[in-house]
Amino acid sequence: MPVGPLTSAGIERAARAQLPPEIWDFIEGGSEAERTLAGNREMFGRYALRPRTLVDVSACSTGTTLLGAELGLPVGIAPMAYHRLVHPDGETATARAAGRAGALLVAGIFASRTLEAIAAEAAGPLWLQLYWLRRRDALAALVERAEAAGFSALMLTVDAPRIGRRLRDLRNGFAVPPEIRAVNLDPELMAASHQAGAGSSGIAEHALEQFDPSLTWADLAWLRERTGLPLVLKGILTAEDARLAAEHGADAVVVSNHGGRQLDGALPALAALPDVAEAVPPDLPVLLDGGVRTGTDIAVALALGARAVLVGRPVLWGLATGGADGVADVLGLLRAELEHTLALLGRPTPADLDRTALAPWPLPGPDAGVRGP
């Protein structure tokens, strides 16, 4: 009998083999020299695990709670634009798989399926991600639609006053194909994303035209006045900003450098996580986004203070190779790997993880990029 991929790396190879090069570069690329992109993965290799023995691990659980919702595993699908770039079903397929796995889905503001269609397929927690647009009326309309459709939280991305210099997209002259649209926003507002010439990027041109770079902490009050939904801030990398987020009423924060796609040389997400987790009140959830590829990675992040992690690129690999079933394969691998790690660590549940589960890796040159067959 044929054996499916044993790790996410196998799914990654299959996705790369079938996607057009410019789409692959758009998904995989970081900014500038991609130091931060690489650093997100490399940081996981700096930790060793400290397993405890003679612990009853006959029944391990991967479940947790997040903003009052039950999750089957401490994983959310990170907000990513245009899932239909890799599969015709787009975000509706992703939503089906997330529900089956008991994972959180964070739909992106530039989703290629309507909020209502995504919500109709979602069987688990569903959040909406926002960028702060110059057109506040468009933001307000999205928030109203999300509430009506049953979304349970808003995630505001705060690290993108402009888009990072993503050299792969510039070299490819990448623009969103005309048949793929951000269907939840007016076509006029999105027009620039479909236009690019040599040495330019439709994604960058659109952000320059539509993102509001004057956003400050004071502006969060405007959003709070328009919704009772919990507000999650994504893109926090310092204790200073974590404290400000708590002071301004954030319900959760996401430690993230935008998958290495914004400021190159910014802290790897895992390196920033301990300081952020220590800076916020104990009841304010901290999530980690960046570089998570295995269940062991999830365990490391939870031990350093994260309540859950967000997973991005591997979800698109699964979607590209198998639609909803492919995404389910990715999430299933993460669940199985996490459960296995918890059992062998002697920590039967995510709540049992803390920093005593970790030690610095004692040998030189760990390679977090080696992920098996």
Foldseek 3Di string as FASTA:
>chain_A
DDDDDLFLVSLVVVLVVPADPLVVLVLQFAFDPLQLLQQLLVVVLQKDFAADPPFPQVDFAQWDDDPRFIARHQEEADEDAQLCSQPVVFLLLVQLLCQVRRHEYEYELQHQDDLLSNLVNHNGAYEYEDFAWPPVVLVLVVQVVNVVSPHFAYEYEDQPLAWHHGPSQQQVQEADDPVGGSVSGDCVLQVQRRDGDHRGHSRRVSSVVIGHSVDDLVCVVVVVVRDPHAYEYEDDQALVVLLSCVVSRHQEYEQDPPSNHGDNPPRRSLVRQLSSQVNHPVNRAYEYEYNDTALVSQLSSLQSRHSHYHDYSSQSSQCNVPRSVRNNVRSVRNRVRNCVVCSRRSNRYSVSHHPVRIDGDPDPDRDSPDDDD
